[in-house]
């Protein structure tokens, strides 16, 4: 730890031992009692000396000892997301990869956050995050994973499916969302009752259109379940892929325009 004073070495050692994905003035205060102003000044000095990488105002990540550059990519992107966007959880294509519901590889980390963001795509420490806002009271259906001592909230398979049916861009677009949906219905995760309960709790009429249509397409739901979906639909025709074109056939039973190729079931 060349170039550091004895107090700075103690702080850096404590921060490294904490295994935190990101550090702030609060992290310093937990390691050593001092004023908040002094803690922020200490973080700024460690940043100038190359021991910290700045993520945004007041938030830093430690530069690994083995790094040859002061700006290395963060190895644990998911714990970092928890600090950047809290309250939040990992969802979309990132959760689909975790639950083995897609073979596609995505470089961006998909996060649903209860804090409004100015931009849907943001980059920190060389990692790109795709975010979607949801009111904090609609954050449910998650499970906890551990990365060392760092906890990460991730959508369970049912919430993941509801999220991408609500916003297919989180699944990588309409086609990929259909592929993930098919994989869900053929996986051990499938749970029609829980899906319906989650959809009701989210209370988005368009979700029921896409949910009912895709379940019917896969031939996996009974008539009563499908009728329950229909009873919660909103009026008007919605596009299956909001980011797609405006052409495509309309499935009047589901008030849905199929503006993407739909493979046979």
C-alpha atoms as a PDB file:
ATOM      1  CA  UNK A   1       0.000   0.000   0.000  1.00  0.00           C
ATOM      2  CA  UNK A   2       2.707   2.424  -1.055  1.00  0.00           C
ATOM      3  CA  UNK A   3       1.792   6.094  -0.953  1.00  0.00           C
ATOM      4  CA  UNK A   4      -0.748   5.703   1.849  1.00  0.00           C
ATOM      5  CA  UNK A   5      -0.546   7.090   5.343  1.00  0.00           C
ATOM      6  CA  UNK A   6      -1.013   4.721   8.274  1.00  0.00           C
ATOM      7  CA  UNK A   7      -4.684   5.832   8.822  1.00  0.00           C
ATOM      8  CA  UNK A   8      -5.375   5.450   5.081  1.00  0.00           C
ATOM      9  CA  UNK A   9      -3.862   1.946   5.111  1.00  0.00           C
ATOM     10  CA  UNK A  10      -6.156   0.983   7.985  1.00  0.00           C
ATOM     11  CA  UNK A  11      -9.210   2.299   6.138  1.00  0.00           C
ATOM     12  CA  UNK A  12      -8.315   0.597   2.849  1.00  0.00           C
ATOM     13  CA  UNK A  13      -7.686  -2.668   4.688  1.00  0.00           C
ATOM     14  CA  UNK A  14     -11.057  -2.451   6.417  1.00  0.00           C
ATOM     15  CA  UNK A  15     -12.845  -1.647   3.146  1.00  0.00           C
ATOM     16  CA  UNK A  16     -11.190  -4.594   1.410  1.00  0.00           C
ATOM     17  CA  UNK A  17     -12.100  -6.911   4.266  1.00  0.00           C
ATOM     18  CA  UNK A  18     -15.755  -5.880   4.019  1.00  0.00           C
ATOM     19  CA  UNK A  19     -15.952  -7.296   0.446  1.00  0.00           C
ATOM     20  CA  UNK A  20     -18.394  -4.494  -0.398  1.00  0.00           C
ATOM     21  CA  UNK A  21     -19.259  -4.016  -4.055  1.00  0.00           C
ATOM     22  CA  UNK A  22     -19.155  -0.249  -3.575  1.00  0.00           C
ATOM     23  CA  UNK A  23     -18.066   2.067  -0.773  1.00  0.00           C
ATOM     24  CA  UNK A  24     -19.206   5.471   0.421  1.00  0.00           C
ATOM     25  CA  UNK A  25     -18.698   7.803   3.354  1.00  0.00           C
ATOM     26  CA  UNK A  26     -20.867   5.477   5.438  1.00  0.00           C
ATOM     27  CA  UNK A  27     -18.407   2.649   4.742  1.00  0.00           C
ATOM     28  CA  UNK A  28     -15.551   4.775   6.041  1.00  0.00           C
ATOM     29  CA  UNK A  29     -17.522   5.812   9.123  1.00  0.00           C
ATOM     30  CA  UNK A  30     -18.175   2.167   9.977  1.00  0.00           C
ATOM     31  CA  UNK A  31     -14.442   1.487   9.784  1.00  0.00           C
ATOM     32  CA  UNK A  32     -13.223   4.595  11.626  1.00  0.00           C
ATOM     33  CA  UNK A  33     -15.143   7.259  13.585  1.00  0.00           C
ATOM     34  CA  UNK A  34     -14.701  10.712  12.001  1.00  0.00           C
ATOM     35  CA  UNK A  35     -16.831  13.502  10.582  1.00  0.00           C
ATOM     36  CA  UNK A  36     -18.705  12.864   7.348  1.00  0.00           C
ATOM     37  CA  UNK A  37     -16.753  15.672   5.714  1.00  0.00           C
ATOM     38  CA  UNK A  38     -13.469  13.998   6.672  1.00  0.00           C
ATOM     39  CA  UNK A  39     -14.764  10.665   5.340  1.00  0.00           C
ATOM     40  CA  UNK A  40     -15.617  12.228   1.981  1.00  0.00           C
ATOM     41  CA  UNK A  41     -12.216  13.936   1.838  1.00  0.00           C
ATOM     42  CA  UNK A  42     -10.530  10.601   2.575  1.00  0.00           C
ATOM     43  CA  UNK A  43     -12.434   8.919  -0.262  1.00  0.00           C
ATOM     44  CA  UNK A  44     -11.406  11.719  -2.636  1.00  0.00           C
ATOM     45  CA  UNK A  45      -7.733  11.279  -1.649  1.00  0.00           C
ATOM     46  CA  UNK A  46      -7.886   7.507  -2.146  1.00  0.00           C
ATOM     47  CA  UNK A  47      -9.455   8.109  -5.545  1.00  0.00           C
ATOM     48  CA  UNK A  48      -6.661  10.513  -6.551  1.00  0.00           C
ATOM     49  CA  UNK A  49      -4.065   7.975  -5.387  1.00  0.00           C
ATOM     50  CA  UNK A  50      -5.621   5.258  -7.536  1.00  0.00           C
ATOM     51  CA  UNK A  51      -7.050   3.070  -4.765  1.00  0.00           C
ATOM     52  CA  UNK A  52     -10.680   3.816  -5.568  1.00  0.00           C
ATOM     53  CA  UNK A  53     -12.602   4.057  -8.816  1.00  0.00           C
ATOM     54  CA  UNK A  54     -15.378   6.657  -8.805  1.00  0.00           C
ATOM     55  CA  UNK A  55     -18.791   5.352  -9.873  1.00  0.00           C
ATOM     56  CA  UNK A  56     -20.858   8.463  -9.215  1.00  0.00           C
ATOM     57  CA  UNK A  57     -20.914  11.257  -6.675  1.00  0.00           C
ATOM     58  CA  UNK A  58     -20.128   9.820  -3.253  1.00  0.00           C
ATOM     59  CA  UNK A  59     -19.888   6.201  -4.428  1.00  0.00           C
ATOM     60  CA  UNK A  60     -16.690   4.312  -5.278  1.00  0.00           C
ATOM     61  CA  UNK A  61     -15.435   0.803  -5.858  1.00  0.00           C
ATOM     62  CA  UNK A  62     -12.085  -0.534  -4.703  1.00  0.00           C
ATOM     63  CA  UNK A  63      -9.410  -1.094  -7.335  1.00  0.00           C
ATOM     64  CA  UNK A  64      -8.143  -4.705  -6.955  1.00  0.00           C
ATOM     65  CA  UNK A  65      -4.521  -4.998  -5.812  1.00  0.00           C
ATOM     66  CA  UNK A  66      -3.665  -7.038  -8.912  1.00  0.00           C
ATOM     67  CA  UNK A  67      -5.117  -4.463 -11.310  1.00  0.00           C
ATOM     68  CA  UNK A  68      -2.731  -2.711 -13.696  1.00  0.00           C
ATOM     69  CA  UNK A  69      -5.164   0.141 -14.336  1.00  0.00           C
ATOM     70  CA  UNK A  70      -7.115   2.409 -11.966  1.00  0.00           C
ATOM     71  CA  UNK A  71     -10.250   1.736 -14.038  1.00  0.00           C
ATOM     72  CA  UNK A  72     -10.768  -2.048 -14.096  1.00  0.00           C
ATOM     73  CA  UNK A  73     -14.200  -3.557 -14.773  1.00  0.00           C
ATOM     74  CA  UNK A  74     -16.070  -4.554 -11.642  1.00  0.00           C
ATOM     75  CA  UNK A  75     -16.038  -8.335 -11.249  1.00  0.00           C
ATOM     76  CA  UNK A  76     -19.298  -8.600  -9.312  1.00  0.00           C
ATOM     77  CA  UNK A  77     -21.734  -6.543 -11.349  1.00  0.00           C
ATOM     78  CA  UNK A  78     -24.877  -7.737  -9.567  1.00  0.00           C
ATOM     79  CA  UNK A  79     -23.833  -6.660  -6.044  1.00  0.00           C
ATOM     80  CA  UNK A  80     -22.800  -3.337  -7.564  1.00  0.00           C
ATOM     81  CA  UNK A  81     -26.279  -2.942  -9.062  1.00  0.00           C
ATOM     82  CA  UNK A  82     -27.770  -3.343  -5.592  1.00  0.00           C
ATOM     83  CA  UNK A  83     -25.817  -0.272  -4.426  1.00  0.00           C
ATOM     84  CA  UNK A  84     -26.348   1.827  -7.531  1.00  0.00           C
ATOM     85  CA  UNK A  85     -30.092   1.377  -7.931  1.00  0.00           C
ATOM     86  CA  UNK A  86     -31.488   0.331  -4.530  1.00  0.00           C
ATOM     87  CA  UNK A  87     -34.240  -0.605  -3.955  1.00  0.00           C
ATOM     88  CA  UNK A  88     -33.911  -2.927  -6.914  1.00  0.00           C
ATOM     89  CA  UNK A  89     -33.589  -6.485  -8.173  1.00  0.00           C
ATOM     90  CA  UNK A  90     -32.016  -8.251 -11.146  1.00  0.00           C
ATOM     91  CA  UNK A  91     -34.575  -9.286 -13.756  1.00  0.00           C
ATOM     92  CA  UNK A  92     -35.092  -9.583 -17.520  1.00  0.00           C
ATOM     93  CA  UNK A  93     -32.492 -11.371 -19.593  1.00  0.00           C
ATOM     94  CA  UNK A  94     -30.024 -11.417 -16.663  1.00  0.00           C
ATOM     95  CA  UNK A  95     -32.454 -13.394 -14.485  1.00  0.00           C
ATOM     96  CA  UNK A  96     -33.391 -15.595 -17.462  1.00  0.00           C
ATOM     97  CA  UNK A  97     -29.733 -16.589 -17.823  1.00  0.00           C
ATOM     98  CA  UNK A  98     -29.538 -17.420 -14.119  1.00  0.00           C
ATOM     99  CA  UNK A  99     -32.667 -19.623 -14.221  1.00  0.00           C
ATOM    100  CA  UNK A 100     -31.502 -21.367 -17.441  1.00  0.00           C
ATOM    101  CA  UNK A 101     -34.419 -20.010 -19.449  1.00  0.00           C
ATOM    102  CA  UNK A 102     -32.301 -18.640 -22.278  1.00  0.00           C
ATOM    103  CA  UNK A 103     -29.107 -19.593 -24.070  1.00  0.00           C
ATOM    104  CA  UNK A 104     -28.570 -16.051 -25.298  1.00  0.00           C
ATOM    105  CA  UNK A 105     -25.650 -14.168 -23.767  1.00  0.00           C
ATOM    106  CA  UNK A 106     -26.222 -10.527 -22.873  1.00  0.00           C
ATOM    107  CA  UNK A 107     -23.450  -8.160 -21.818  1.00  0.00           C
ATOM    108  CA  UNK A 108     -25.720  -5.647 -20.092  1.00  0.00           C
ATOM    109  CA  UNK A 109     -27.152  -6.240 -16.615  1.00  0.00           C
ATOM    110  CA  UNK A 110     -30.942  -5.859 -16.480  1.00  0.00           C
ATOM    111  CA  UNK A 111     -32.260  -4.238 -13.292  1.00  0.00           C
ATOM    112  CA  UNK A 112     -35.742  -3.236 -12.114  1.00  0.00           C
ATOM    113  CA  UNK A 113     -35.455  -0.329  -9.693  1.00  0.00           C
ATOM    114  CA  UNK A 114     -37.801   1.518  -7.385  1.00  0.00           C
ATOM    115  CA  UNK A 115     -35.839   4.730  -7.926  1.00  0.00           C
ATOM    116  CA  UNK A 116     -36.596   6.803 -11.074  1.00  0.00           C
ATOM    117  CA  UNK A 117     -33.645   7.031 -13.468  1.00  0.00           C
ATOM    118  CA  UNK A 118     -32.881   9.781 -15.964  1.00  0.00           C
ATOM    119  CA  UNK A 119     -31.667   7.244 -18.526  1.00  0.00           C
ATOM    120  CA  UNK A 120     -32.695   3.661 -19.155  1.00  0.00           C
ATOM    121  CA  UNK A 121     -29.139   2.607 -19.998  1.00  0.00           C
ATOM    122  CA  UNK A 122     -26.189   3.683 -17.866  1.00  0.00           C
ATOM    123  CA  UNK A 123     -22.552   2.635 -17.630  1.00  0.00           C
ATOM    124  CA  UNK A 124     -20.494   2.417 -14.467  1.00  0.00           C
ATOM    125  CA  UNK A 125     -16.961   1.035 -14.200  1.00  0.00           C
ATOM    126  CA  UNK A 126     -17.177  -0.412 -17.710  1.00  0.00           C
ATOM    127  CA  UNK A 127     -20.442  -2.254 -16.980  1.00  0.00           C
ATOM    128  CA  UNK A 128     -23.640  -1.292 -18.765  1.00  0.00           C
ATOM    129  CA  UNK A 129     -26.914  -1.486 -16.848  1.00  0.00           C
ATOM    130  CA  UNK A 130     -30.370  -1.510 -18.425  1.00  0.00           C
ATOM    131  CA  UNK A 131     -32.917  -0.267 -15.906  1.00  0.00           C
ATOM    132  CA  UNK A 132     -36.688  -0.074 -15.669  1.00  0.00           C
ATOM    133  CA  UNK A 133     -38.547   1.837 -12.984  1.00  0.00           C
ATOM    134  CA  UNK A 134     -41.339   0.306 -10.954  1.00  0.00           C
ATOM    135  CA  UNK A 135     -42.979   1.785  -7.844  1.00  0.00           C
ATOM    136  CA  UNK A 136     -41.356   0.371  -4.685  1.00  0.00           C
ATOM    137  CA  UNK A 137     -44.649  -1.183  -3.562  1.00  0.00           C
ATOM    138  CA  UNK A 138     -44.574  -3.319  -6.728  1.00  0.00           C
ATOM    139  CA  UNK A 139     -41.238  -4.888  -5.906  1.00  0.00           C
ATOM    140  CA  UNK A 140     -42.156  -8.466  -5.008  1.00  0.00           C
ATOM    141  CA  UNK A 141     -41.504 -11.991  -6.192  1.00  0.00           C
ATOM    142  CA  UNK A 142     -37.751 -11.887  -5.627  1.00  0.00           C
ATOM    143  CA  UNK A 143     -35.278 -14.252  -4.037  1.00  0.00           C
ATOM    144  CA  UNK A 144     -31.887 -13.639  -2.447  1.00  0.00           C
ATOM    145  CA  UNK A 145     -28.537 -14.810  -3.820  1.00  0.00           C
ATOM    146  CA  UNK A 146     -25.188 -14.408  -2.100  1.00  0.00           C
ATOM    147  CA  UNK A 147     -21.932 -13.302  -3.711  1.00  0.00           C
ATOM    148  CA  UNK A 148     -19.539 -13.853  -0.853  1.00  0.00           C
ATOM    149  CA  UNK A 149     -20.941 -11.626   1.890  1.00  0.00           C
ATOM    150  CA  UNK A 150     -22.963  -9.484  -0.543  1.00  0.00           C
ATOM    151  CA  UNK A 151     -26.684 -10.151  -0.971  1.00  0.00           C
ATOM    152  CA  UNK A 152     -28.372  -9.742  -4.363  1.00  0.00           C
ATOM    153  CA  UNK A 153     -32.118  -9.702  -4.995  1.00  0.00           C
ATOM    154  CA  UNK A 154     -33.168 -11.441  -8.207  1.00  0.00           C
ATOM    155  CA  UNK A 155     -36.592 -12.004  -9.744  1.00  0.00           C
ATOM    156  CA  UNK A 156     -37.832 -15.535  -9.218  1.00  0.00           C
ATOM    157  CA  UNK A 157     -38.773 -17.326 -12.473  1.00  0.00           C
ATOM    158  CA  UNK A 158     -42.430 -16.241 -12.199  1.00  0.00           C
ATOM    159  CA  UNK A 159     -41.687 -12.563 -11.572  1.00  0.00           C
ATOM    160  CA  UNK A 160     -39.108 -12.671 -14.358  1.00  0.00           C
ATOM    161  CA  UNK A 161     -41.788 -13.858 -16.784  1.00  0.00           C
ATOM    162  CA  UNK A 162     -44.272 -11.210 -15.651  1.00  0.00           C
ATOM    163  CA  UNK A 163     -41.594  -8.519 -16.017  1.00  0.00           C
ATOM    164  CA  UNK A 164     -40.737  -9.389 -19.611  1.00  0.00           C
ATOM    165  CA  UNK A 165     -44.387  -9.768 -20.575  1.00  0.00           C
ATOM    166  CA  UNK A 166     -44.960  -6.307 -19.132  1.00  0.00           C
ATOM    167  CA  UNK A 167     -41.913  -4.889 -20.953  1.00  0.00           C
ATOM    168  CA  UNK A 168     -40.627  -7.279 -23.660  1.00  0.00           C
ATOM    169  CA  UNK A 169     -37.534  -5.126 -24.161  1.00  0.00           C
ATOM    170  CA  UNK A 170     -36.309  -6.498 -20.821  1.00  0.00           C
ATOM    171  CA  UNK A 171     -36.366  -9.954 -22.375  1.00  0.00           C
ATOM    172  CA  UNK A 172     -34.323  -8.791 -25.359  1.00  0.00           C
ATOM    173  CA  UNK A 173     -37.360  -7.969 -27.532  1.00  0.00           C
ATOM    174  CA  UNK A 174     -40.554  -9.707 -28.546  1.00  0.00           C
ATOM    175  CA  UNK A 175     -38.995 -12.789 -30.161  1.00  0.00           C
ATOM    176  CA  UNK A 176     -36.646 -13.454 -27.273  1.00  0.00           C
ATOM    177  CA  UNK A 177     -39.492 -12.889 -24.799  1.00  0.00           C
ATOM    178  CA  UNK A 178     -41.520 -15.589 -26.560  1.00  0.00           C
ATOM    179  CA  UNK A 179     -38.519 -17.944 -26.422  1.00  0.00           C
ATOM    180  CA  UNK A 180     -38.077 -17.347 -22.676  1.00  0.00           C
ATOM    181  CA  UNK A 181     -41.824 -17.862 -22.175  1.00  0.00           C
ATOM    182  CA  UNK A 182     -41.695 -21.214 -23.975  1.00  0.00           C
ATOM    183  CA  UNK A 183     -38.692 -22.240 -21.898  1.00  0.00           C
ATOM    184  CA  UNK A 184     -40.522 -21.305 -18.684  1.00  0.00           C
ATOM    185  CA  UNK A 185     -43.613 -23.360 -19.546  1.00  0.00           C
ATOM    186  CA  UNK A 186     -41.492 -26.419 -20.304  1.00  0.00           C
ATOM    187  CA  UNK A 187     -39.303 -26.033 -17.193  1.00  0.00           C
ATOM    188  CA  UNK A 188     -39.723 -27.321 -13.621  1.00  0.00           C
ATOM    189  CA  UNK A 189     -40.346 -23.692 -12.600  1.00  0.00           C
ATOM    190  CA  UNK A 190     -43.779 -23.513 -14.258  1.00  0.00           C
ATOM    191  CA  UNK A 191     -46.529 -22.513 -11.860  1.00  0.00           C
ATOM    192  CA  UNK A 192     -49.736 -21.178 -13.491  1.00  0.00           C
ATOM    193  CA  UNK A 193     -51.343 -20.209 -10.171  1.00  0.00           C
ATOM    194  CA  UNK A 194     -48.359 -18.147  -9.046  1.00  0.00           C
ATOM    195  CA  UNK A 195     -48.081 -16.467 -12.447  1.00  0.00           C
ATOM    196  CA  UNK A 196     -51.715 -15.432 -12.285  1.00  0.00           C
ATOM    197  CA  UNK A 197     -51.314 -14.170  -8.715  1.00  0.00           C
ATOM    198  CA  UNK A 198     -48.270 -12.090  -9.692  1.00  0.00           C
ATOM    199  CA  UNK A 199     -50.059 -10.660 -12.730  1.00  0.00           C
ATOM    200  CA  UNK A 200     -53.026  -9.643 -10.566  1.00  0.00           C
ATOM    201  CA  UNK A 201     -50.730  -8.000  -8.040  1.00  0.00           C
ATOM    202  CA  UNK A 202     -48.947  -6.023 -10.755  1.00  0.00           C
ATOM    203  CA  UNK A 203     -52.358  -5.115 -12.213  1.00  0.00           C
ATOM    204  CA  UNK A 204     -51.308  -4.379 -15.791  1.00  0.00           C
ATOM    205  CA  UNK A 205     -53.963  -5.270 -18.349  1.00  0.00           C
ATOM    206  CA  UNK A 206     -51.459  -5.690 -21.182  1.00  0.00           C
ATOM    207  CA  UNK A 207     -49.623  -8.335 -19.165  1.00  0.00           C
ATOM    208  CA  UNK A 208     -52.774 -10.501 -19.123  1.00  0.00           C
ATOM    209  CA  UNK A 209     -53.029 -10.221 -22.926  1.00  0.00           C
ATOM    210  CA  UNK A 210     -49.464 -11.399 -23.510  1.00  0.00           C
ATOM    211  CA  UNK A 211     -49.625 -13.952 -20.701  1.00  0.00           C
ATOM    212  CA  UNK A 212     -52.863 -15.528 -21.896  1.00  0.00           C
ATOM    213  CA  UNK A 213     -51.851 -15.545 -25.545  1.00  0.00           C
ATOM    214  CA  UNK A 214     -48.415 -17.073 -24.930  1.00  0.00           C
ATOM    215  CA  UNK A 215     -49.798 -19.728 -22.559  1.00  0.00           C
ATOM    216  CA  UNK A 216     -52.465 -20.648 -25.102  1.00  0.00           C
ATOM    217  CA  UNK A 217     -49.848 -20.748 -27.856  1.00  0.00           C
ATOM    218  CA  UNK A 218     -47.770 -23.175 -25.788  1.00  0.00           C
ATOM    219  CA  UNK A 219     -50.857 -25.277 -25.008  1.00  0.00           C
ATOM    220  CA  UNK A 220     -50.149 -25.379 -21.286  1.00  0.00           C
ATOM    221  CA  UNK A 221     -53.129 -23.730 -19.555  1.00  0.00           C
ATOM    222  CA  UNK A 222     -56.677 -24.903 -19.008  1.00  0.00           C
ATOM    223  CA  UNK A 223     -59.782 -23.017 -20.123  1.00  0.00           C
ATOM    224  CA  UNK A 224     -60.586 -21.614 -16.662  1.00  0.00           C
ATOM    225  CA  UNK A 225     -57.082 -20.189 -16.276  1.00  0.00           C
ATOM    226  CA  UNK A 226     -57.183 -18.598 -19.719  1.00  0.00           C
ATOM    227  CA  UNK A 227     -60.608 -17.115 -19.033  1.00  0.00           C
ATOM    228  CA  UNK A 228     -59.257 -15.598 -15.826  1.00  0.00           C
ATOM    229  CA  UNK A 229     -56.584 -13.862 -17.890  1.00  0.00           C
ATOM    230  CA  UNK A 230     -59.220 -12.598 -20.320  1.00  0.00           C
ATOM    231  CA  UNK A 231     -61.306 -11.160 -17.491  1.00  0.00           C
ATOM    232  CA  UNK A 232     -58.426  -8.861 -16.499  1.00  0.00           C
ATOM    233  CA  UNK A 233     -57.515  -7.602 -19.971  1.00  0.00           C
ATOM    234  CA  UNK A 234     -57.757  -3.926 -20.846  1.00  0.00           C
ATOM    235  CA  UNK A 235     -59.743  -2.773 -23.876  1.00  0.00           C
ATOM    236  CA  UNK A 236     -58.031  -1.799 -27.106  1.00  0.00           C
ATOM    237  CA  UNK A 237     -55.437  -3.622 -29.151  1.00  0.00           C
ATOM    238  CA  UNK A 238     -51.865  -3.767 -27.848  1.00  0.00           C
ATOM    239  CA  UNK A 239     -48.741  -4.743 -29.753  1.00  0.00           C
ATOM    240  CA  UNK A 240     -46.972  -7.846 -28.498  1.00  0.00           C
ATOM    241  CA  UNK A 241     -43.647  -6.081 -29.020  1.00  0.00           C
ATOM    242  CA  UNK A 242     -43.975  -2.376 -28.124  1.00  0.00           C
ATOM    243  CA  UNK A 243     -40.659  -1.652 -29.854  1.00  0.00           C
ATOM    244  CA  UNK A 244     -41.693  -3.462 -33.054  1.00  0.00           C
ATOM    245  CA  UNK A 245     -43.503  -2.218 -36.126  1.00  0.00           C
ATOM    246  CA  UNK A 246     -47.206  -1.548 -36.461  1.00  0.00           C
ATOM    247  CA  UNK A 247     -47.977  -4.317 -38.941  1.00  0.00           C
ATOM    248  CA  UNK A 248     -49.119  -7.812 -38.034  1.00  0.00           C
ATOM    249  CA  UNK A 249     -52.266  -9.817 -37.572  1.00  0.00           C
ATOM    250  CA  UNK A 250     -54.621  -9.094 -34.714  1.00  0.00           C
ATOM    251  CA  UNK A 251     -55.690 -11.848 -32.347  1.00  0.00           C
ATOM    252  CA  UNK A 252     -59.053 -10.442 -31.286  1.00  0.00           C
ATOM    253  CA  UNK A 253     -59.464 -13.024 -28.516  1.00  0.00           C
ATOM    254  CA  UNK A 254     -56.508 -11.400 -26.727  1.00  0.00           C
ATOM    255  CA  UNK A 255     -56.736  -7.824 -28.093  1.00  0.00           C
ATOM    256  CA  UNK A 256     -53.186  -8.335 -29.284  1.00  0.00           C
ATOM    257  CA  UNK A 257     -51.358  -7.409 -32.474  1.00  0.00           C
ATOM    258  CA  UNK A 258     -48.689  -9.946 -33.353  1.00  0.00           C
ATOM    259  CA  UNK A 259     -46.108  -7.596 -34.832  1.00  0.00           C
ATOM    260  CA  UNK A 260     -43.433 -10.299 -34.888  1.00  0.00           C
ATOM    261  CA  UNK A 261     -43.024 -13.786 -36.371  1.00  0.00           C
ATOM    262  CA  UNK A 262     -44.732 -16.316 -34.113  1.00  0.00           C
ATOM    263  CA  UNK A 263     -43.478 -19.904 -34.540  1.00  0.00           C
ATOM    264  CA  UNK A 264     -45.963 -22.747 -34.486  1.00  0.00           C
ATOM    265  CA  UNK A 265     -46.575 -24.301 -31.066  1.00  0.00           C
END
